[in-house]
Each structure stands twice: as C-alpha cells, then as structure tokens.
Amino acid sequence: MMELLKIEEFAQTKAGGTPSTTVSEYWKNGNIPWLNSGALNQGVVKSTSKFITKLGLEESSTKLMPPDTILIALTGATTGVIGYLTFEACANQSVVGILPSKRHFPNIIIYILGLDYY
C-alpha cells in the first residue's frame, strides 16, 4: 500500500532570494551560481550565466541548494515549471527547492509532479 505524505514530511524545502542588484559587491566577480526561475526551462538544470559573491549569499535571503534538488517556479511566466538541479546553486525568490533526503528518489517526485525528463 502506498503512503501519501506531504513534502515537508520527507524532505526540507528552501526558498530562494535575490541579493540587491544595487550593491555591486554582491555580484561583481561572483563565483556562486545563482538561478532565476527562467533557468528551470532547461528541465535538467546544468548551467547558469549568473553568479553572486559570498557576501551576496551571506547578506541576502538566498540559500545554497545541493545537487539533486528539485526546483519549482512559484511566480511569473514560469509558474509551475519544474527543474532538476545538477550542481550546487542559489536561486531567486520565485524558486523553491525540494532538497534531497534519504527518504525519497528525486526522479519519482519529478514524475509525480509532472516533469517528463526522466
């Protein structure tokens, strides 16, 4: 018999955030990958063109998400788009991540949520 659980019962979630774009120290020469919700259109997210600095990470609400995180776009034109993160990265506030846990298989959750990349 299959047991239905809420995501919060088997995995952690993290919401993204955006460091202020008016503070150059948050962006200039950054090396921490940062995604906007449009990156989820890749399906399997393998790259990004934007990076923030360690200071940008520390002084904003964005959070690092590990590889194997399932990403869901929350707002805007990409609402409901699902992606699979293949590298450690941060995301903006329009993205929530379902972090990997020992109790789930990302490909099964992605299938249930409707992404057909597996």
N, C-alpha and C. Protein backbone atom coordinates (compact mmCIF):
# COMPACT_ATOMS: atom_id res chain seq x y z
N MET A 1 0.84 -1.18 0.00
CA MET A 1 0.00 0.00 0.00
C MET A 1 0.88 1.25 0.00
N MET A 2 0.56 2.17 -0.87
CA MET A 2 1.34 3.40 -0.95
C MET A 2 0.89 4.38 0.14
N GLU A 3 1.87 5.01 0.76
CA GLU A 3 1.59 6.00 1.79
C GLU A 3 1.76 7.39 1.19
N LEU A 4 0.75 8.22 1.29
CA LEU A 4 0.84 9.59 0.80
C LEU A 4 1.36 10.50 1.90
N LEU A 5 2.35 11.29 1.55
CA LEU A 5 2.97 12.20 2.52
C LEU A 5 3.02 13.60 1.94
N LYS A 6 3.03 14.59 2.79
CA LYS A 6 3.31 15.95 2.38
C LYS A 6 4.82 16.06 2.19
N ILE A 7 5.25 16.92 1.28
CA ILE A 7 6.68 17.08 1.02
C ILE A 7 7.44 17.36 2.31
N GLU A 8 6.87 18.19 3.17
CA GLU A 8 7.55 18.55 4.42
C GLU A 8 7.74 17.36 5.36
N GLU A 9 7.05 16.25 5.10
CA GLU A 9 7.18 15.07 5.95
C GLU A 9 8.37 14.18 5.55
N PHE A 10 8.96 14.43 4.37
CA PHE A 10 10.09 13.60 3.97
C PHE A 10 11.27 14.38 3.41
N ALA A 11 11.12 15.68 3.26
CA ALA A 11 12.23 16.48 2.71
C ALA A 11 12.15 17.90 3.24
N GLN A 12 13.29 18.60 3.18
CA GLN A 12 13.33 20.02 3.51
C GLN A 12 13.07 20.82 2.25
N THR A 13 12.57 22.02 2.43
CA THR A 13 12.43 22.94 1.31
C THR A 13 13.19 24.22 1.63
N LYS A 14 13.66 24.86 0.58
CA LYS A 14 14.33 26.16 0.72
C LYS A 14 13.82 27.09 -0.36
N ALA A 15 13.50 28.29 0.04
CA ALA A 15 13.11 29.32 -0.92
C ALA A 15 14.33 30.13 -1.31
N GLY A 16 14.28 30.67 -2.48
CA GLY A 16 15.39 31.48 -2.95
C GLY A 16 15.28 32.92 -2.52
N GLY A 17 16.17 33.73 -3.02
CA GLY A 17 16.19 35.16 -2.75
C GLY A 17 17.16 35.84 -3.69
N THR A 18 17.05 37.14 -3.79
CA THR A 18 17.92 37.89 -4.69
C THR A 18 18.72 38.93 -3.92
N PRO A 19 20.04 38.85 -3.96
CA PRO A 19 20.84 39.92 -3.37
C PRO A 19 20.55 41.23 -4.10
N SER A 20 20.60 42.32 -3.40
CA SER A 20 20.33 43.62 -4.01
C SER A 20 21.20 43.83 -5.25
N THR A 21 20.56 44.17 -6.34
CA THR A 21 21.30 44.41 -7.58
C THR A 21 21.99 45.78 -7.58
N THR A 22 21.69 46.60 -6.58
CA THR A 22 22.35 47.91 -6.50
C THR A 22 23.65 47.86 -5.70
N VAL A 23 23.95 46.71 -5.12
CA VAL A 23 25.20 46.54 -4.36
C VAL A 23 26.14 45.69 -5.21
N SER A 24 27.11 46.34 -5.83
CA SER A 24 28.00 45.64 -6.76
C SER A 24 28.81 44.55 -6.08
N GLU A 25 29.09 44.71 -4.79
CA GLU A 25 29.87 43.70 -4.05
C GLU A 25 29.14 42.35 -3.95
N TYR A 26 27.84 42.35 -4.20
CA TYR A 26 27.07 41.11 -4.17
C TYR A 26 27.18 40.34 -5.49
N TRP A 27 27.60 41.02 -6.55
CA TRP A 27 27.58 40.42 -7.89
C TRP A 27 28.93 40.41 -8.59
N LYS A 28 29.69 41.49 -8.45
CA LYS A 28 30.94 41.62 -9.21
C LYS A 28 31.93 40.53 -8.81
N ASN A 29 32.42 39.82 -9.81
CA ASN A 29 33.38 38.72 -9.63
C ASN A 29 32.83 37.58 -8.77
N GLY A 30 31.52 37.42 -8.78
CA GLY A 30 30.91 36.33 -8.03
C GLY A 30 31.24 34.97 -8.61
N ASN A 31 31.29 33.97 -7.76
CA ASN A 31 31.58 32.61 -8.23
C ASN A 31 30.58 31.57 -7.69
N ILE A 32 29.51 32.04 -7.06
CA ILE A 32 28.46 31.15 -6.56
C ILE A 32 27.31 31.17 -7.56
N PRO A 33 27.01 30.04 -8.17
CA PRO A 33 25.93 30.00 -9.17
C PRO A 33 24.61 30.48 -8.59
N TRP A 34 23.89 31.30 -9.36
CA TRP A 34 22.60 31.85 -8.95
C TRP A 34 21.64 31.75 -10.13
N LEU A 35 20.46 31.23 -9.87
CA LEU A 35 19.48 30.98 -10.93
C LEU A 35 18.27 31.89 -10.80
N ASN A 36 17.73 32.32 -11.93
CA ASN A 36 16.40 32.91 -11.91
C ASN A 36 15.44 31.81 -12.34
N SER A 37 14.15 32.05 -12.21
CA SER A 37 13.18 30.98 -12.49
C SER A 37 13.20 30.54 -13.95
N GLY A 38 13.64 31.39 -14.85
CA GLY A 38 13.75 31.01 -16.25
C GLY A 38 14.71 29.87 -16.49
N ALA A 39 15.69 29.69 -15.61
CA ALA A 39 16.65 28.59 -15.75
C ALA A 39 15.98 27.23 -15.66
N LEU A 40 14.82 27.17 -15.03
CA LEU A 40 14.11 25.90 -14.89
C LEU A 40 13.59 25.39 -16.23
N ASN A 41 13.51 26.26 -17.22
CA ASN A 41 13.10 25.83 -18.55
C ASN A 41 14.07 24.83 -19.16
N GLN A 42 15.27 24.72 -18.58
CA GLN A 42 16.23 23.71 -19.03
C GLN A 42 15.74 22.30 -18.69
N GLY A 43 14.83 22.18 -17.73
CA GLY A 43 14.40 20.86 -17.25
C GLY A 43 15.45 20.32 -16.30
N VAL A 44 16.48 19.73 -16.85
CA VAL A 44 17.63 19.33 -16.06
C VAL A 44 18.59 20.52 -16.09
N VAL A 45 18.71 21.20 -14.96
CA VAL A 45 19.49 22.45 -14.90
C VAL A 45 20.97 22.10 -14.77
N LYS A 46 21.71 22.41 -15.83
CA LYS A 46 23.14 22.06 -15.89
C LYS A 46 24.05 23.26 -15.87
N SER A 47 23.48 24.47 -15.99
CA SER A 47 24.35 25.65 -16.03
C SER A 47 23.56 26.91 -15.68
N THR A 48 24.30 27.95 -15.41
CA THR A 48 23.72 29.27 -15.21
C THR A 48 24.71 30.31 -15.72
N SER A 49 24.20 31.47 -16.04
CA SER A 49 25.07 32.54 -16.52
C SER A 49 25.26 33.62 -15.46
N LYS A 50 24.61 33.46 -14.31
CA LYS A 50 24.69 34.47 -13.25
C LYS A 50 25.35 33.89 -12.01
N PHE A 51 26.12 34.75 -11.36
CA PHE A 51 26.85 34.34 -10.16
C PHE A 51 26.82 35.46 -9.14
N ILE A 52 26.78 35.08 -7.86
CA ILE A 52 26.85 36.05 -6.78
C ILE A 52 28.12 35.80 -5.97
N THR A 53 28.44 36.76 -5.12
CA THR A 53 29.61 36.63 -4.25
C THR A 53 29.21 35.99 -2.92
N LYS A 54 30.20 35.62 -2.14
CA LYS A 54 29.95 35.08 -0.81
C LYS A 54 29.20 36.12 0.04
N LEU A 55 29.56 37.38 -0.10
CA LEU A 55 28.87 38.45 0.64
C LEU A 55 27.41 38.53 0.22
N GLY A 56 27.14 38.39 -1.07
CA GLY A 56 25.77 38.40 -1.56
C GLY A 56 24.96 37.26 -0.98
N LEU A 57 25.58 36.10 -0.84
CA LEU A 57 24.92 34.94 -0.23
C LEU A 57 24.64 35.21 1.25
N GLU A 58 25.63 35.73 1.95
CA GLU A 58 25.51 35.93 3.40
C GLU A 58 24.53 37.04 3.77
N GLU A 59 24.40 38.05 2.92
CA GLU A 59 23.59 39.22 3.28
C GLU A 59 22.26 39.28 2.54
N SER A 60 21.82 38.15 2.01
CA SER A 60 20.51 38.11 1.36
C SER A 60 19.76 36.88 1.85
N SER A 61 18.55 36.72 1.39
CA SER A 61 17.73 35.58 1.81
C SER A 61 17.94 34.35 0.94
N THR A 62 18.78 34.43 -0.08
CA THR A 62 19.02 33.26 -0.91
C THR A 62 19.77 32.19 -0.13
N LYS A 63 19.58 30.95 -0.53
CA LYS A 63 20.20 29.82 0.16
C LYS A 63 20.84 28.89 -0.87
N LEU A 64 21.96 28.28 -0.49
CA LEU A 64 22.58 27.27 -1.36
C LEU A 64 21.74 26.00 -1.35
N MET A 65 21.54 25.44 -2.52
CA MET A 65 20.83 24.18 -2.66
C MET A 65 21.78 23.17 -3.29
N PRO A 66 21.80 21.94 -2.78
CA PRO A 66 22.74 20.94 -3.27
C PRO A 66 22.29 20.32 -4.60
N PRO A 67 23.21 19.61 -5.25
CA PRO A 67 22.80 18.83 -6.43
C PRO A 67 21.67 17.88 -6.03
N ASP A 68 20.86 17.50 -6.99
CA ASP A 68 19.71 16.61 -6.81
C ASP A 68 18.51 17.31 -6.18
N THR A 69 18.57 18.64 -6.06
CA THR A 69 17.42 19.39 -5.58
C THR A 69 16.40 19.50 -6.71
N ILE A 70 15.14 19.35 -6.35
CA ILE A 70 14.05 19.56 -7.30
C ILE A 70 13.62 21.02 -7.15
N LEU A 71 13.57 21.74 -8.25
CA LEU A 71 13.24 23.16 -8.23
C LEU A 71 11.84 23.37 -8.81
N ILE A 72 11.08 24.27 -8.20
CA ILE A 72 9.75 24.59 -8.70
C ILE A 72 9.63 26.11 -8.77
N ALA A 73 9.23 26.62 -9.94
CA ALA A 73 9.00 28.05 -10.11
C ALA A 73 7.64 28.41 -9.49
N LEU A 74 7.63 29.47 -8.70
CA LEU A 74 6.45 29.84 -7.95
C LEU A 74 5.62 30.96 -8.56
N THR A 75 6.25 31.83 -9.35
CA THR A 75 5.54 33.02 -9.83
C THR A 75 5.92 33.33 -11.28
N GLY A 76 5.17 34.26 -11.84
CA GLY A 76 5.50 34.79 -13.16
C GLY A 76 5.22 33.84 -14.30
N ALA A 77 5.87 34.09 -15.42
CA ALA A 77 5.64 33.32 -16.64
C ALA A 77 6.04 31.86 -16.50
N THR A 78 6.89 31.56 -15.53
CA THR A 78 7.36 30.18 -15.36
C THR A 78 6.65 29.43 -14.23
N THR A 79 5.59 30.00 -13.69
CA THR A 79 4.87 29.36 -12.58
C THR A 79 4.59 27.89 -12.89
N GLY A 80 4.99 27.03 -11.96
CA GLY A 80 4.74 25.60 -12.11
C GLY A 80 5.79 24.83 -12.87
N VAL A 81 6.76 25.52 -13.46
CA VAL A 81 7.82 24.82 -14.18
C VAL A 81 8.71 24.13 -13.16
N ILE A 82 9.10 22.90 -13.47
CA ILE A 82 9.89 22.07 -12.56
C ILE A 82 11.25 21.81 -13.18
N GLY A 83 12.29 21.88 -12.36
CA GLY A 83 13.64 21.59 -12.83
C GLY A 83 14.35 20.67 -11.85
N TYR A 84 15.44 20.11 -12.33
CA TYR A 84 16.27 19.22 -11.52
C TYR A 84 17.68 19.80 -11.51
N LEU A 85 18.18 20.15 -10.34
CA LEU A 85 19.48 20.82 -10.20
C LEU A 85 20.60 19.79 -10.17
N THR A 86 21.60 19.99 -11.02
CA THR A 86 22.72 19.04 -11.10
C THR A 86 23.99 19.55 -10.43
N PHE A 87 23.95 20.75 -9.88
CA PHE A 87 25.13 21.34 -9.23
C PHE A 87 24.65 22.22 -8.08
N GLU A 88 25.53 22.57 -7.16
CA GLU A 88 25.18 23.45 -6.05
C GLU A 88 24.93 24.86 -6.57
N ALA A 89 23.80 25.45 -6.17
CA ALA A 89 23.46 26.78 -6.64
C ALA A 89 22.45 27.43 -5.72
N CYS A 90 22.29 28.74 -5.90
CA CYS A 90 21.25 29.53 -5.24
C CYS A 90 20.21 29.88 -6.30
N ALA A 91 19.06 30.37 -5.86
CA ALA A 91 18.03 30.78 -6.80
C ALA A 91 17.33 32.02 -6.28
N ASN A 92 16.55 32.64 -7.15
CA ASN A 92 15.82 33.83 -6.72
C ASN A 92 14.56 33.45 -5.95
N GLN A 93 13.84 34.47 -5.49
CA GLN A 93 12.68 34.25 -4.62
C GLN A 93 11.49 33.64 -5.35
N SER A 94 11.56 33.49 -6.65
CA SER A 94 10.50 32.84 -7.41
C SER A 94 10.70 31.34 -7.52
N VAL A 95 11.69 30.83 -6.81
CA VAL A 95 12.02 29.40 -6.89
C VAL A 95 12.07 28.80 -5.48
N VAL A 96 11.48 27.62 -5.35
CA VAL A 96 11.62 26.85 -4.12
C VAL A 96 12.30 25.54 -4.49
N GLY A 97 13.14 25.06 -3.59
CA GLY A 97 13.83 23.80 -3.81
C GLY A 97 13.37 22.74 -2.84
N ILE A 98 13.16 21.53 -3.34
CA ILE A 98 12.90 20.36 -2.50
C ILE A 98 14.24 19.65 -2.41
N LEU A 99 14.86 19.71 -1.24
CA LEU A 99 16.20 19.17 -1.07
C LEU A 99 16.19 17.66 -0.96
N PRO A 100 17.24 17.03 -1.49
CA PRO A 100 17.29 15.57 -1.43
C PRO A 100 17.33 15.06 0.01
N SER A 101 16.69 13.93 0.21
CA SER A 101 16.73 13.29 1.52
C SER A 101 16.91 11.79 1.30
N LYS A 102 17.16 11.08 2.37
CA LYS A 102 17.33 9.63 2.27
C LYS A 102 15.99 8.93 2.06
N ARG A 103 14.90 9.65 2.22
CA ARG A 103 13.57 9.03 2.14
C ARG A 103 12.89 9.20 0.79
N HIS A 104 13.56 9.79 -0.19
CA HIS A 104 12.89 9.92 -1.49
C HIS A 104 13.87 9.79 -2.64
N PHE A 105 13.31 9.49 -3.78
CA PHE A 105 14.06 9.42 -5.02
C PHE A 105 13.62 10.59 -5.88
N PRO A 106 14.53 11.51 -6.20
CA PRO A 106 14.14 12.69 -6.96
C PRO A 106 13.39 12.37 -8.25
N ASN A 107 13.80 11.33 -8.96
CA ASN A 107 13.14 11.04 -10.23
C ASN A 107 11.67 10.65 -10.04
N ILE A 108 11.34 10.02 -8.92
CA ILE A 108 9.95 9.65 -8.65
C ILE A 108 9.13 10.91 -8.34
N ILE A 109 9.68 11.80 -7.54
CA ILE A 109 8.96 13.04 -7.20
C ILE A 109 8.77 13.88 -8.47
N ILE A 110 9.80 13.96 -9.28
CA ILE A 110 9.68 14.72 -10.53
C ILE A 110 8.58 14.11 -11.40
N TYR A 111 8.54 12.81 -11.48
CA TYR A 111 7.50 12.13 -12.26
C TYR A 111 6.11 12.46 -11.71
N ILE A 112 5.96 12.39 -10.40
CA ILE A 112 4.67 12.68 -9.77
C ILE A 112 4.26 14.14 -10.02
N LEU A 113 5.24 15.05 -9.97
CA LEU A 113 4.93 16.46 -10.19
C LEU A 113 4.69 16.78 -11.66
N GLY A 114 5.05 15.87 -12.53
CA GLY A 114 4.71 16.06 -13.93
C GLY A 114 5.83 16.40 -14.88
N LEU A 115 7.07 16.35 -14.45
CA LEU A 115 8.18 16.62 -15.34
C LEU A 115 8.56 15.34 -16.06
N ASP A 116 8.72 15.40 -17.36
CA ASP A 116 8.95 14.18 -18.13
C ASP A 116 10.37 14.07 -18.66
N TYR A 117 11.35 14.48 -17.89
CA TYR A 117 12.74 14.44 -18.33
C TYR A 117 13.42 13.13 -17.96
N TYR A 118 12.77 12.27 -17.20
CA TYR A 118 13.37 11.00 -16.80
C TYR A 118 12.74 9.86 -17.55
